[in-house]
C-alpha atoms as a PDB file:
ATOM      1  CA  UNK A   1      -8.545  -8.439 -16.932  1.00  0.00           C
ATOM      2  CA  UNK A   2      -9.519 -10.330 -13.742  1.00  0.00           C
ATOM      3  CA  UNK A   3     -12.037 -10.033 -10.887  1.00  0.00           C
ATOM      4  CA  UNK A   4     -10.891  -8.336  -7.695  1.00  0.00           C
ATOM      5  CA  UNK A   5     -14.172  -8.706  -5.896  1.00  0.00           C
ATOM      6  CA  UNK A   6     -18.107  -8.909  -7.073  1.00  0.00           C
ATOM      7  CA  UNK A   7     -18.284  -5.519  -7.942  1.00  0.00           C
ATOM      8  CA  UNK A   8     -14.890  -4.540  -9.254  1.00  0.00           C
ATOM      9  CA  UNK A   9     -12.297  -5.686 -11.683  1.00  0.00           C
ATOM     10  CA  UNK A  10      -8.465  -5.624 -12.364  1.00  0.00           C
ATOM     11  CA  UNK A  11      -7.948  -4.232 -15.876  1.00  0.00           C
ATOM     12  CA  UNK A  12      -4.211  -3.779 -16.877  1.00  0.00           C
ATOM     13  CA  UNK A  13      -3.347  -0.221 -17.761  1.00  0.00           C
ATOM     14  CA  UNK A  14      -2.699  -0.767 -21.513  1.00  0.00           C
ATOM     15  CA  UNK A  15      -6.215  -2.234 -21.838  1.00  0.00           C
ATOM     16  CA  UNK A  16      -7.776   0.441 -19.930  1.00  0.00           C
ATOM     17  CA  UNK A  17      -6.178   3.060 -22.001  1.00  0.00           C
ATOM     18  CA  UNK A  18      -7.365   1.402 -25.163  1.00  0.00           C
ATOM     19  CA  UNK A  19     -10.872   1.131 -24.273  1.00  0.00           C
ATOM     20  CA  UNK A  20     -11.306   4.922 -22.912  1.00  0.00           C
ATOM     21  CA  UNK A  21      -9.460   5.918 -26.048  1.00  0.00           C
ATOM     22  CA  UNK A  22     -12.099   3.922 -28.022  1.00  0.00           C
ATOM     23  CA  UNK A  23     -14.846   5.604 -26.020  1.00  0.00           C
ATOM     24  CA  UNK A  24     -13.718   8.745 -26.540  1.00  0.00           C
ATOM     25  CA  UNK A  25     -13.368   8.604 -30.240  1.00  0.00           C
ATOM     26  CA  UNK A  26     -16.837   7.246 -30.267  1.00  0.00           C
ATOM     27  CA  UNK A  27     -17.849  10.694 -29.153  1.00  0.00           C
ATOM     28  CA  UNK A  28     -16.415  12.201 -32.442  1.00  0.00           C
ATOM     29  CA  UNK A  29     -13.421  13.944 -30.570  1.00  0.00           C
ATOM     30  CA  UNK A  30     -10.246  14.646 -32.621  1.00  0.00           C
ATOM     31  CA  UNK A  31      -7.393  12.211 -32.088  1.00  0.00           C
ATOM     32  CA  UNK A  32      -5.271  14.791 -30.449  1.00  0.00           C
ATOM     33  CA  UNK A  33      -7.789  15.437 -27.721  1.00  0.00           C
ATOM     34  CA  UNK A  34      -8.697  11.760 -27.417  1.00  0.00           C
ATOM     35  CA  UNK A  35      -4.923  11.006 -26.661  1.00  0.00           C
ATOM     36  CA  UNK A  36      -4.533  13.806 -24.162  1.00  0.00           C
ATOM     37  CA  UNK A  37      -7.549  13.450 -22.344  1.00  0.00           C
ATOM     38  CA  UNK A  38      -7.228   9.382 -22.115  1.00  0.00           C
ATOM     39  CA  UNK A  39      -3.735  10.176 -20.275  1.00  0.00           C
ATOM     40  CA  UNK A  40      -5.484  12.321 -17.563  1.00  0.00           C
ATOM     41  CA  UNK A  41      -8.534   9.627 -17.344  1.00  0.00           C
ATOM     42  CA  UNK A  42      -6.070   6.564 -17.169  1.00  0.00           C
ATOM     43  CA  UNK A  43      -4.003   8.516 -14.479  1.00  0.00           C
ATOM     44  CA  UNK A  44      -7.064   8.703 -12.210  1.00  0.00           C
ATOM     45  CA  UNK A  45      -8.059   5.253 -12.484  1.00  0.00           C
ATOM     46  CA  UNK A  46      -4.477   3.926 -11.880  1.00  0.00           C
ATOM     47  CA  UNK A  47      -4.300   6.182  -8.818  1.00  0.00           C
ATOM     48  CA  UNK A  48      -7.380   5.004  -7.492  1.00  0.00           C
ATOM     49  CA  UNK A  49      -8.896   8.423  -7.708  1.00  0.00           C
ATOM     50  CA  UNK A  50     -12.150   6.855  -8.595  1.00  0.00           C
ATOM     51  CA  UNK A  51     -13.949  10.440  -9.170  1.00  0.00           C
ATOM     52  CA  UNK A  52     -11.516  11.509 -11.593  1.00  0.00           C
ATOM     53  CA  UNK A  53     -11.050   7.891 -13.431  1.00  0.00           C
ATOM     54  CA  UNK A  54     -13.227   6.361 -15.938  1.00  0.00           C
ATOM     55  CA  UNK A  55     -16.186   8.072 -14.558  1.00  0.00           C
ATOM     56  CA  UNK A  56     -15.025  10.897 -16.294  1.00  0.00           C
ATOM     57  CA  UNK A  57     -15.719   9.355 -19.652  1.00  0.00           C
ATOM     58  CA  UNK A  58     -19.382   9.854 -18.843  1.00  0.00           C
ATOM     59  CA  UNK A  59     -18.868  13.224 -18.014  1.00  0.00           C
ATOM     60  CA  UNK A  60     -17.393  14.144 -21.188  1.00  0.00           C
ATOM     61  CA  UNK A  61     -20.052  12.231 -23.077  1.00  0.00           C
ATOM     62  CA  UNK A  62     -22.680  14.431 -21.134  1.00  0.00           C
ATOM     63  CA  UNK A  63     -20.562  17.554 -22.290  1.00  0.00           C
ATOM     64  CA  UNK A  64     -20.377  16.362 -25.994  1.00  0.00           C
ATOM     65  CA  UNK A  65     -23.972  15.415 -26.117  1.00  0.00           C
ATOM     66  CA  UNK A  66     -24.972  19.095 -24.589  1.00  0.00           C
ATOM     67  CA  UNK A  67     -23.359  20.347 -27.987  1.00  0.00           C
ATOM     68  CA  UNK A  68     -21.368  23.120 -26.117  1.00  0.00           C
ATOM     69  CA  UNK A  69     -17.843  21.413 -26.728  1.00  0.00           C
ATOM     70  CA  UNK A  70     -15.589  21.730 -29.591  1.00  0.00           C
ATOM     71  CA  UNK A  71     -14.519  18.517 -30.455  1.00  0.00           C
ATOM     72  CA  UNK A  72     -11.633  19.125 -32.923  1.00  0.00           C
ATOM     73  CA  UNK A  73     -10.154  22.899 -31.948  1.00  0.00           C
ATOM     74  CA  UNK A  74      -6.697  23.299 -31.881  1.00  0.00           C
ATOM     75  CA  UNK A  75      -5.374  25.521 -28.525  1.00  0.00           C
ATOM     76  CA  UNK A  76      -3.527  28.722 -29.488  1.00  0.00           C
ATOM     77  CA  UNK A  77      -0.392  29.216 -27.258  1.00  0.00           C
ATOM     78  CA  UNK A  78       0.433  32.816 -26.861  1.00  0.00           C
ATOM     79  CA  UNK A  79       4.049  33.733 -25.385  1.00  0.00           C
ATOM     80  CA  UNK A  80       5.887  37.006 -26.293  1.00  0.00           C
ATOM     81  CA  UNK A  81       8.940  35.670 -24.147  1.00  0.00           C
ATOM     82  CA  UNK A  82       7.656  37.234 -20.872  1.00  0.00           C
ATOM     83  CA  UNK A  83       6.737  35.118 -17.650  1.00  0.00           C
ATOM     84  CA  UNK A  84       3.374  35.203 -19.091  1.00  0.00           C
ATOM     85  CA  UNK A  85       1.937  32.481 -21.250  1.00  0.00           C
ATOM     86  CA  UNK A  86      -1.382  32.276 -22.677  1.00  0.00           C
ATOM     87  CA  UNK A  87      -3.343  29.487 -24.210  1.00  0.00           C
ATOM     88  CA  UNK A  88      -6.798  29.578 -25.529  1.00  0.00           C
ATOM     89  CA  UNK A  89      -8.408  26.310 -25.729  1.00  0.00           C
ATOM     90  CA  UNK A  90     -11.073  27.677 -27.968  1.00  0.00           C
ATOM     91  CA  UNK A  91     -14.367  25.856 -26.224  1.00  0.00           C
ATOM     92  CA  UNK A  92     -12.482  22.430 -26.219  1.00  0.00           C
ATOM     93  CA  UNK A  93     -11.642  20.085 -23.437  1.00  0.00           C
ATOM     94  CA  UNK A  94      -8.680  21.482 -21.429  1.00  0.00           C
ATOM     95  CA  UNK A  95      -5.968  18.470 -21.377  1.00  0.00           C
ATOM     96  CA  UNK A  96      -4.779  19.335 -24.934  1.00  0.00           C
ATOM     97  CA  UNK A  97      -4.317  22.733 -24.375  1.00  0.00           C
ATOM     98  CA  UNK A  98      -2.278  22.248 -21.043  1.00  0.00           C
ATOM     99  CA  UNK A  99      -0.160  19.802 -23.112  1.00  0.00           C
ATOM    100  CA  UNK A 100       0.734  21.922 -25.916  1.00  0.00           C
ATOM    101  CA  UNK A 101       1.634  24.929 -23.411  1.00  0.00           C
ATOM    102  CA  UNK A 102       3.478  22.854 -20.699  1.00  0.00           C
ATOM    103  CA  UNK A 103       6.902  22.953 -22.372  1.00  0.00           C
ATOM    104  CA  UNK A 104       6.598  26.777 -22.969  1.00  0.00           C
ATOM    105  CA  UNK A 105       5.541  27.453 -19.149  1.00  0.00           C
ATOM    106  CA  UNK A 106       8.487  25.478 -18.285  1.00  0.00           C
ATOM    107  CA  UNK A 107      11.263  27.371 -20.379  1.00  0.00           C
ATOM    108  CA  UNK A 108       9.675  30.659 -19.101  1.00  0.00           C
ATOM    109  CA  UNK A 109       9.859  29.570 -15.432  1.00  0.00           C
ATOM    110  CA  UNK A 110      13.481  28.495 -15.819  1.00  0.00           C
ATOM    111  CA  UNK A 111      14.243  31.438 -17.701  1.00  0.00           C
ATOM    112  CA  UNK A 112      12.623  33.770 -15.126  1.00  0.00           C
ATOM    113  CA  UNK A 113      12.387  32.039 -12.023  1.00  0.00           C
ATOM    114  CA  UNK A 114       8.540  32.315 -12.086  1.00  0.00           C
ATOM    115  CA  UNK A 115       6.139  31.962 -14.618  1.00  0.00           C
ATOM    116  CA  UNK A 116       2.408  31.790 -15.083  1.00  0.00           C
ATOM    117  CA  UNK A 117       0.052  30.137 -17.397  1.00  0.00           C
ATOM    118  CA  UNK A 118      -3.472  31.025 -18.153  1.00  0.00           C
ATOM    119  CA  UNK A 119      -5.563  28.553 -19.754  1.00  0.00           C
ATOM    120  CA  UNK A 120      -8.835  30.116 -21.103  1.00  0.00           C
ATOM    121  CA  UNK A 121     -12.140  28.910 -22.800  1.00  0.00           C
ATOM    122  CA  UNK A 122     -11.799  25.587 -21.775  1.00  0.00           C
ATOM    123  CA  UNK A 123     -13.935  22.610 -20.581  1.00  0.00           C
ATOM    124  CA  UNK A 124     -12.226  21.291 -17.647  1.00  0.00           C
ATOM    125  CA  UNK A 125     -13.183  17.912 -16.155  1.00  0.00           C
ATOM    126  CA  UNK A 126      -9.960  16.368 -14.758  1.00  0.00           C
ATOM    127  CA  UNK A 127      -8.242  16.556 -11.599  1.00  0.00           C
ATOM    128  CA  UNK A 128      -5.358  18.925 -11.237  1.00  0.00           C
ATOM    129  CA  UNK A 129      -2.427  16.610  -9.749  1.00  0.00           C
ATOM    130  CA  UNK A 130      -1.598  15.241 -13.051  1.00  0.00           C
ATOM    131  CA  UNK A 131      -0.884  18.746 -14.512  1.00  0.00           C
ATOM    132  CA  UNK A 132       0.915  19.670 -11.218  1.00  0.00           C
ATOM    133  CA  UNK A 133       3.119  16.470 -11.803  1.00  0.00           C
ATOM    134  CA  UNK A 134       3.795  17.056 -15.226  1.00  0.00           C
ATOM    135  CA  UNK A 135       5.096  20.677 -14.247  1.00  0.00           C
ATOM    136  CA  UNK A 136       7.196  19.467 -11.516  1.00  0.00           C
ATOM    137  CA  UNK A 137       8.919  16.861 -13.586  1.00  0.00           C
ATOM    138  CA  UNK A 138      10.535  19.999 -15.056  1.00  0.00           C
ATOM    139  CA  UNK A 139      12.185  20.380 -11.643  1.00  0.00           C
ATOM    140  CA  UNK A 140       9.847  23.153 -10.753  1.00  0.00           C
ATOM    141  CA  UNK A 141       7.377  23.922  -8.013  1.00  0.00           C
ATOM    142  CA  UNK A 142       3.588  24.478  -9.039  1.00  0.00           C
ATOM    143  CA  UNK A 143       0.571  25.644  -7.939  1.00  0.00           C
ATOM    144  CA  UNK A 144      -2.803  25.382  -9.882  1.00  0.00           C
ATOM    145  CA  UNK A 145      -6.178  26.700  -9.210  1.00  0.00           C
ATOM    146  CA  UNK A 146      -9.619  26.728 -11.318  1.00  0.00           C
ATOM    147  CA  UNK A 147     -13.362  27.612 -10.716  1.00  0.00           C
ATOM    148  CA  UNK A 148     -16.158  25.268 -12.019  1.00  0.00           C
ATOM    149  CA  UNK A 149     -19.758  25.543 -11.580  1.00  0.00           C
ATOM    150  CA  UNK A 150     -21.332  27.656  -8.906  1.00  0.00           C
ATOM    151  CA  UNK A 151     -22.488  24.496  -6.726  1.00  0.00           C
ATOM    152  CA  UNK A 152     -21.133  25.878  -3.462  1.00  0.00           C
ATOM    153  CA  UNK A 153     -22.363  28.518  -0.916  1.00  0.00           C
ATOM    154  CA  UNK A 154     -20.368  30.764   0.941  1.00  0.00           C
ATOM    155  CA  UNK A 155     -19.922  30.515   4.702  1.00  0.00           C
ATOM    156  CA  UNK A 156     -23.023  31.693   6.372  1.00  0.00           C
ATOM    157  CA  UNK A 157     -25.125  31.539   3.131  1.00  0.00           C
ATOM    158  CA  UNK A 158     -27.081  28.930   1.411  1.00  0.00           C
ATOM    159  CA  UNK A 159     -27.151  29.565  -2.216  1.00  0.00           C
ATOM    160  CA  UNK A 160     -24.474  28.451  -4.568  1.00  0.00           C
ATOM    161  CA  UNK A 161     -21.914  31.280  -5.548  1.00  0.00           C
ATOM    162  CA  UNK A 162     -18.677  29.436  -5.693  1.00  0.00           C
ATOM    163  CA  UNK A 163     -17.388  26.222  -7.531  1.00  0.00           C
ATOM    164  CA  UNK A 164     -15.927  23.185  -5.837  1.00  0.00           C
ATOM    165  CA  UNK A 165     -12.826  25.205  -6.587  1.00  0.00           C
ATOM    166  CA  UNK A 166      -9.602  23.050  -6.036  1.00  0.00           C
ATOM    167  CA  UNK A 167      -6.078  24.131  -5.413  1.00  0.00           C
ATOM    168  CA  UNK A 168      -3.398  21.846  -6.045  1.00  0.00           C
ATOM    169  CA  UNK A 169       0.852  22.221  -5.201  1.00  0.00           C
ATOM    170  CA  UNK A 170       3.577  20.306  -6.120  1.00  0.00           C
ATOM    171  CA  UNK A 171       7.172  20.048  -4.759  1.00  0.00           C
ATOM    172  CA  UNK A 172       9.989  18.488  -6.663  1.00  0.00           C
ATOM    173  CA  UNK A 173      11.971  15.804  -4.881  1.00  0.00           C
ATOM    174  CA  UNK A 174      14.451  13.069  -5.043  1.00  0.00           C
ATOM    175  CA  UNK A 175      13.111   9.851  -6.323  1.00  0.00           C
ATOM    176  CA  UNK A 176      10.298   8.883  -8.510  1.00  0.00           C
ATOM    177  CA  UNK A 177       7.474  10.914  -6.918  1.00  0.00           C
ATOM    178  CA  UNK A 178       7.027  14.618  -6.000  1.00  0.00           C
ATOM    179  CA  UNK A 179       5.151  16.007  -3.116  1.00  0.00           C
ATOM    180  CA  UNK A 180       1.759  16.789  -4.430  1.00  0.00           C
ATOM    181  CA  UNK A 181      -1.559  17.680  -2.952  1.00  0.00           C
ATOM    182  CA  UNK A 182      -4.949  18.560  -4.816  1.00  0.00           C
ATOM    183  CA  UNK A 183      -8.185  19.188  -2.984  1.00  0.00           C
ATOM    184  CA  UNK A 184     -11.497  20.734  -3.484  1.00  0.00           C
ATOM    185  CA  UNK A 185     -12.392  24.060  -1.497  1.00  0.00           C
ATOM    186  CA  UNK A 186     -15.809  22.338  -1.017  1.00  0.00           C
ATOM    187  CA  UNK A 187     -16.307  19.763   1.833  1.00  0.00           C
ATOM    188  CA  UNK A 188     -16.254  16.814  -0.872  1.00  0.00           C
ATOM    189  CA  UNK A 189     -15.625  16.989  -4.415  1.00  0.00           C
ATOM    190  CA  UNK A 190     -18.502  17.356  -6.717  1.00  0.00           C
ATOM    191  CA  UNK A 191     -17.297  14.062  -8.744  1.00  0.00           C
ATOM    192  CA  UNK A 192     -17.500  12.204  -5.194  1.00  0.00           C
ATOM    193  CA  UNK A 193     -21.035  13.553  -4.718  1.00  0.00           C
ATOM    194  CA  UNK A 194     -21.916  12.143  -8.302  1.00  0.00           C
ATOM    195  CA  UNK A 195     -20.735   8.549  -7.453  1.00  0.00           C
ATOM    196  CA  UNK A 196     -22.910   8.919  -4.114  1.00  0.00           C
ATOM    197  CA  UNK A 197     -25.542   9.578  -6.081  1.00  0.00           C
ATOM    198  CA  UNK A 198     -25.134   6.865  -8.642  1.00  0.00           C
ATOM    199  CA  UNK A 199     -25.101   4.473  -5.762  1.00  0.00           C
ATOM    200  CA  UNK A 200     -27.883   5.904  -3.763  1.00  0.00           C
ATOM    201  CA  UNK A 201     -25.472   6.140  -0.604  1.00  0.00           C
ATOM    202  CA  UNK A 202     -25.513   9.141   1.662  1.00  0.00           C
ATOM    203  CA  UNK A 203     -22.999  11.813   2.049  1.00  0.00           C
ATOM    204  CA  UNK A 204     -21.333  12.499   5.361  1.00  0.00           C
ATOM    205  CA  UNK A 205     -22.676  14.996   7.273  1.00  0.00           C
ATOM    206  CA  UNK A 206     -21.699  18.768   6.818  1.00  0.00           C
ATOM    207  CA  UNK A 207     -21.449  18.221   3.064  1.00  0.00           C
ATOM    208  CA  UNK A 208     -24.085  20.725   2.131  1.00  0.00           C
ATOM    209  CA  UNK A 209     -27.988  21.781   2.222  1.00  0.00           C
ATOM    210  CA  UNK A 210     -31.098  20.976   0.112  1.00  0.00           C
ATOM    211  CA  UNK A 211     -32.868  23.729  -1.889  1.00  0.00           C
ATOM    212  CA  UNK A 212     -34.569  25.002   1.406  1.00  0.00           C
ATOM    213  CA  UNK A 213     -31.174  25.651   3.033  1.00  0.00           C
ATOM    214  CA  UNK A 214     -31.798  22.693   5.478  1.00  0.00           C
ATOM    215  CA  UNK A 215     -28.622  20.346   6.315  1.00  0.00           C
ATOM    216  CA  UNK A 216     -28.842  17.093   4.287  1.00  0.00           C
ATOM    217  CA  UNK A 217     -26.638  13.829   3.421  1.00  0.00           C
ATOM    218  CA  UNK A 218     -28.727  12.936   0.560  1.00  0.00           C
ATOM    219  CA  UNK A 219     -26.599  13.458  -2.514  1.00  0.00           C
ATOM    220  CA  UNK A 220     -29.822  14.257  -4.876  1.00  0.00           C
ATOM    221  CA  UNK A 221     -31.033  16.903  -2.292  1.00  0.00           C
ATOM    222  CA  UNK A 222     -27.719  18.815  -2.016  1.00  0.00           C
ATOM    223  CA  UNK A 223     -27.030  18.748  -5.711  1.00  0.00           C
ATOM    224  CA  UNK A 224     -30.583  20.797  -5.787  1.00  0.00           C
ATOM    225  CA  UNK A 225     -29.380  23.123  -3.168  1.00  0.00           C
ATOM    226  CA  UNK A 226     -25.672  23.780  -2.293  1.00  0.00           C
ATOM    227  CA  UNK A 227     -22.628  22.336  -1.251  1.00  0.00           C
ATOM    228  CA  UNK A 228     -20.503  23.620   1.852  1.00  0.00           C
ATOM    229  CA  UNK A 229     -17.023  24.769   1.838  1.00  0.00           C
ATOM    230  CA  UNK A 230     -14.805  22.773   4.077  1.00  0.00           C
ATOM    231  CA  UNK A 231     -13.480  24.544   7.116  1.00  0.00           C
ATOM    232  CA  UNK A 232     -16.492  27.045   7.273  1.00  0.00           C
ATOM    233  CA  UNK A 233     -15.143  30.739   6.640  1.00  0.00           C
ATOM    234  CA  UNK A 234     -11.396  29.448   6.029  1.00  0.00           C
ATOM    235  CA  UNK A 235     -12.613  27.232   3.131  1.00  0.00           C
ATOM    236  CA  UNK A 236     -14.854  29.942   1.862  1.00  0.00           C
ATOM    237  CA  UNK A 237     -12.327  32.659   1.596  1.00  0.00           C
ATOM    238  CA  UNK A 238     -10.070  30.295  -0.233  1.00  0.00           C
ATOM    239  CA  UNK A 239     -12.761  29.340  -2.740  1.00  0.00           C
ATOM    240  CA  UNK A 240     -13.446  33.111  -3.269  1.00  0.00           C
ATOM    241  CA  UNK A 241      -9.668  33.501  -3.834  1.00  0.00           C
ATOM    242  CA  UNK A 242      -9.844  30.927  -6.248  1.00  0.00           C
ATOM    243  CA  UNK A 243     -12.770  32.733  -8.392  1.00  0.00           C
ATOM    244  CA  UNK A 244     -10.599  35.895  -8.332  1.00  0.00           C
ATOM    245  CA  UNK A 245      -7.165  34.169  -9.473  1.00  0.00           C
ATOM    246  CA  UNK A 246      -8.574  31.717 -11.691  1.00  0.00           C
ATOM    247  CA  UNK A 247     -11.468  33.582 -13.054  1.00  0.00           C
ATOM    248  CA  UNK A 248     -11.409  37.490 -13.015  1.00  0.00           C
ATOM    249  CA  UNK A 249      -7.441  37.818 -12.922  1.00  0.00           C
ATOM    250  CA  UNK A 250      -7.197  35.843 -16.245  1.00  0.00           C
ATOM    251  CA  UNK A 251     -10.109  37.314 -17.792  1.00  0.00           C
ATOM    252  CA  UNK A 252     -12.320  34.423 -17.915  1.00  0.00           C
ATOM    253  CA  UNK A 253     -15.702  33.231 -16.238  1.00  0.00           C
ATOM    254  CA  UNK A 254     -16.382  32.727 -12.521  1.00  0.00           C
ATOM    255  CA  UNK A 255     -18.245  29.713 -11.685  1.00  0.00           C
ATOM    256  CA  UNK A 256     -21.577  31.576 -11.818  1.00  0.00           C
ATOM    257  CA  UNK A 257     -20.962  32.557 -15.310  1.00  0.00           C
ATOM    258  CA  UNK A 258     -19.996  28.859 -15.940  1.00  0.00           C
ATOM    259  CA  UNK A 259     -23.098  27.510 -14.847  1.00  0.00           C
ATOM    260  CA  UNK A 260     -25.100  30.470 -16.556  1.00  0.00           C
ATOM    261  CA  UNK A 261     -23.534  29.269 -19.824  1.00  0.00           C
ATOM    262  CA  UNK A 262     -24.533  25.596 -19.185  1.00  0.00           C
ATOM    263  CA  UNK A 263     -28.095  26.365 -18.948  1.00  0.00           C
ATOM    264  CA  UNK A 264     -29.021  23.199 -17.270  1.00  0.00           C
ATOM    265  CA  UNK A 265     -26.889  20.734 -19.880  1.00  0.00           C
ATOM    266  CA  UNK A 266     -25.018  19.257 -17.496  1.00  0.00           C
ATOM    267  CA  UNK A 267     -21.752  19.618 -19.076  1.00  0.00           C
ATOM    268  CA  UNK A 268     -18.347  19.821 -17.603  1.00  0.00           C
ATOM    269  CA  UNK A 269     -17.635  23.650 -16.692  1.00  0.00           C
ATOM    270  CA  UNK A 270     -16.353  26.162 -18.949  1.00  0.00           C
ATOM    271  CA  UNK A 271     -13.846  28.580 -17.599  1.00  0.00           C
ATOM    272  CA  UNK A 272     -10.106  29.154 -17.244  1.00  0.00           C
ATOM    273  CA  UNK A 273      -7.304  27.823 -15.066  1.00  0.00           C
ATOM    274  CA  UNK A 274      -4.316  29.450 -13.414  1.00  0.00           C
ATOM    275  CA  UNK A 275      -0.976  27.651 -13.037  1.00  0.00           C
ATOM    276  CA  UNK A 276       2.009  29.029 -11.654  1.00  0.00           C
ATOM    277  CA  UNK A 277       5.628  27.517 -11.791  1.00  0.00           C
ATOM    278  CA  UNK A 278       8.784  28.672  -9.570  1.00  0.00           C
ATOM    279  CA  UNK A 279      12.100  27.396 -10.356  1.00  0.00           C
ATOM    280  CA  UNK A 280      13.926  26.484  -6.951  1.00  0.00           C
ATOM    281  CA  UNK A 281      17.404  26.798  -8.457  1.00  0.00           C
ATOM    282  CA  UNK A 282      16.922  30.570  -9.901  1.00  0.00           C
ATOM    283  CA  UNK A 283      14.924  31.612  -6.653  1.00  0.00           C
ATOM    284  CA  UNK A 284      17.177  30.032  -4.278  1.00  0.00           C
ATOM    285  CA  UNK A 285      20.510  30.872  -5.990  1.00  0.00           C
ATOM    286  CA  UNK A 286      23.304  29.460  -4.208  1.00  0.00           C
ATOM    287  CA  UNK A 287      21.125  28.331  -1.601  1.00  0.00           C
ATOM    288  CA  UNK A 288      19.113  26.420  -3.720  1.00  0.00           C
ATOM    289  CA  UNK A 289      20.494  23.076  -2.399  1.00  0.00           C
ATOM    290  CA  UNK A 290      20.150  24.010   1.084  1.00  0.00           C
ATOM    291  CA  UNK A 291      16.429  24.805   0.574  1.00  0.00           C
ATOM    292  CA  UNK A 292      15.791  21.217  -0.966  1.00  0.00           C
ATOM    293  CA  UNK A 293      17.768  19.953   2.105  1.00  0.00           C
ATOM    294  CA  UNK A 294      15.415  21.647   4.391  1.00  0.00           C
ATOM    295  CA  UNK A 295      12.514  20.446   2.625  1.00  0.00           C
ATOM    296  CA  UNK A 296      13.726  16.774   2.917  1.00  0.00           C
ATOM    297  CA  UNK A 297      14.352  17.376   6.889  1.00  0.00           C
ATOM    298  CA  UNK A 298      10.752  18.437   7.156  1.00  0.00           C
ATOM    299  CA  UNK A 299       9.016  15.718   5.229  1.00  0.00           C
ATOM    300  CA  UNK A 300      11.231  13.397   7.260  1.00  0.00           C
ATOM    301  CA  UNK A 301       9.897  14.986  10.725  1.00  0.00           C
ATOM    302  CA  UNK A 302       6.640  14.257   9.305  1.00  0.00           C
ATOM    303  CA  UNK A 303       6.832  10.776   8.319  1.00  0.00           C
ATOM    304  CA  UNK A 304       9.078   9.579  11.110  1.00  0.00           C
ATOM    305  CA  UNK A 305       6.117   9.963  13.283  1.00  0.00           C
ATOM    306  CA  UNK A 306       3.966   7.774  11.301  1.00  0.00           C
ATOM    307  CA  UNK A 307       2.142  10.780   9.743  1.00  0.00           C
ATOM    308  CA  UNK A 308       1.529  10.254   5.901  1.00  0.00           C
ATOM    309  CA  UNK A 309       2.833  12.976   3.243  1.00  0.00           C
ATOM    310  CA  UNK A 310      -0.007  14.321   0.883  1.00  0.00           C
ATOM    311  CA  UNK A 311      -0.496  11.805  -2.062  1.00  0.00           C
ATOM    312  CA  UNK A 312       1.325   9.017  -0.432  1.00  0.00           C
ATOM    313  CA  UNK A 313      -1.793   6.456  -0.692  1.00  0.00           C
ATOM    314  CA  UNK A 314      -2.269   7.656  -4.495  1.00  0.00           C
ATOM    315  CA  UNK A 315       1.493   6.698  -5.250  1.00  0.00           C
ATOM    316  CA  UNK A 316       1.021   3.580  -3.503  1.00  0.00           C
ATOM    317  CA  UNK A 317      -2.142   2.821  -5.437  1.00  0.00           C
ATOM    318  CA  UNK A 318      -0.046   3.554  -8.529  1.00  0.00           C
ATOM    319  CA  UNK A 319       2.415   0.728  -7.915  1.00  0.00           C
ATOM    320  CA  UNK A 320      -0.365  -1.762  -7.225  1.00  0.00           C
ATOM    321  CA  UNK A 321      -2.138  -0.650 -10.666  1.00  0.00           C
ATOM    322  CA  UNK A 322       1.317  -0.838 -12.549  1.00  0.00           C
ATOM    323  CA  UNK A 323       1.629  -4.533 -11.181  1.00  0.00           C
ATOM    324  CA  UNK A 324      -1.752  -5.695 -10.915  1.00  0.00           C
ATOM    325  CA  UNK A 325      -3.768  -3.328 -13.134  1.00  0.00           C
ATOM    326  CA  UNK A 326      -6.356  -0.739 -12.164  1.00  0.00           C
ATOM    327  CA  UNK A 327      -9.283  -1.572 -10.176  1.00  0.00           C
ATOM    328  CA  UNK A 328     -12.392  -0.723 -11.664  1.00  0.00           C
ATOM    329  CA  UNK A 329     -16.098  -0.571 -10.636  1.00  0.00           C
ATOM    330  CA  UNK A 330     -17.583  -3.581 -12.987  1.00  0.00           C
ATOM    331  CA  UNK A 331     -20.930  -1.940 -14.083  1.00  0.00           C
ATOM    332  CA  UNK A 332     -19.136   1.441 -14.705  1.00  0.00           C
ATOM    333  CA  UNK A 333     -16.495  -0.432 -16.940  1.00  0.00           C
ATOM    334  CA  UNK A 334     -19.214  -2.154 -18.757  1.00  0.00           C
ATOM    335  CA  UNK A 335     -20.621   1.252 -19.817  1.00  0.00           C
ATOM    336  CA  UNK A 336     -17.305   2.486 -21.033  1.00  0.00           C
ATOM    337  CA  UNK A 337     -17.095  -1.016 -23.112  1.00  0.00           C
ATOM    338  CA  UNK A 338     -20.384  -0.079 -24.658  1.00  0.00           C
ATOM    339  CA  UNK A 339     -19.176   3.115 -25.714  1.00  0.00           C
ATOM    340  CA  UNK A 340     -15.996   1.657 -27.127  1.00  0.00           C
ATOM    341  CA  UNK A 341     -17.862  -0.854 -29.030  1.00  0.00           C
ATOM    342  CA  UNK A 342     -19.548   2.057 -30.818  1.00  0.00           C
ATOM    343  CA  UNK A 343     -16.157   3.037 -32.288  1.00  0.00           C
ATOM    344  CA  UNK A 344     -15.573  -0.411 -33.662  1.00  0.00           C
END
């Protein structure tokens, strides 16, 4: 471990993972959950996604202390050989449920050309791109969406209805990295809002309103009011779609129901997630190779003019972290080390 600046450290990924696992064990989580959760948290910090890196250990701790999450539950995967795979996380954190059901989803997608994974009754705290990358590693294109807590007002309104409601997509490519995008339909991710709150820094304009419906850049005021969707009515419509597809369609809660269940405890949202997987070989048939070529030609037309593909900066951060260790905020890392010490 070495100092990157006065406020950050460079931590080798092996050490980072060890401390995160110890911190999660100190919360009483079963070992299978510890391992699965640590993988997505390390991935977030490795790729310089600060709002989904080690900060999420604190989110998990708050959820555990709220007494709502099952620390030991084994997910139950249901598959009848059709294109639909269902998994009941049984009110536990979501990463283990996803890992247990991924092979079944991949097999169904290769068999049918298209498959759907409905994860229900889970506490979801992570970004969607680690899941998308895992699906795409099977040679599949993938789309994921999930609600959260009702923090976001619809376009033209000022009271929360939607969650931050992220949407993520992945496309397999030659080489080490796929094409991936993952973004909230809110103007800023909730994790970024919380990081601004922790550091006492203002948000960009347009992120939300206070409890009286007045525009604000104060993260505390917006947390007590409502966040905005991005892109006005367009982001609002996408957020509504996520509520329907990732909630009502799979028989799980909307963001309002998730927030009602929380009862002010400040736990991670509890709801469902929908992941769709597509097999280019089955859908494209004899023309699948031409489809892959067309995709690469489009990507080349983007990058040749100096534009970035989605996740390019994240993949560059990954390469740096693999060489030099992940950049970690010093104060936040001390909190994680204190939690890890309690497991010693």
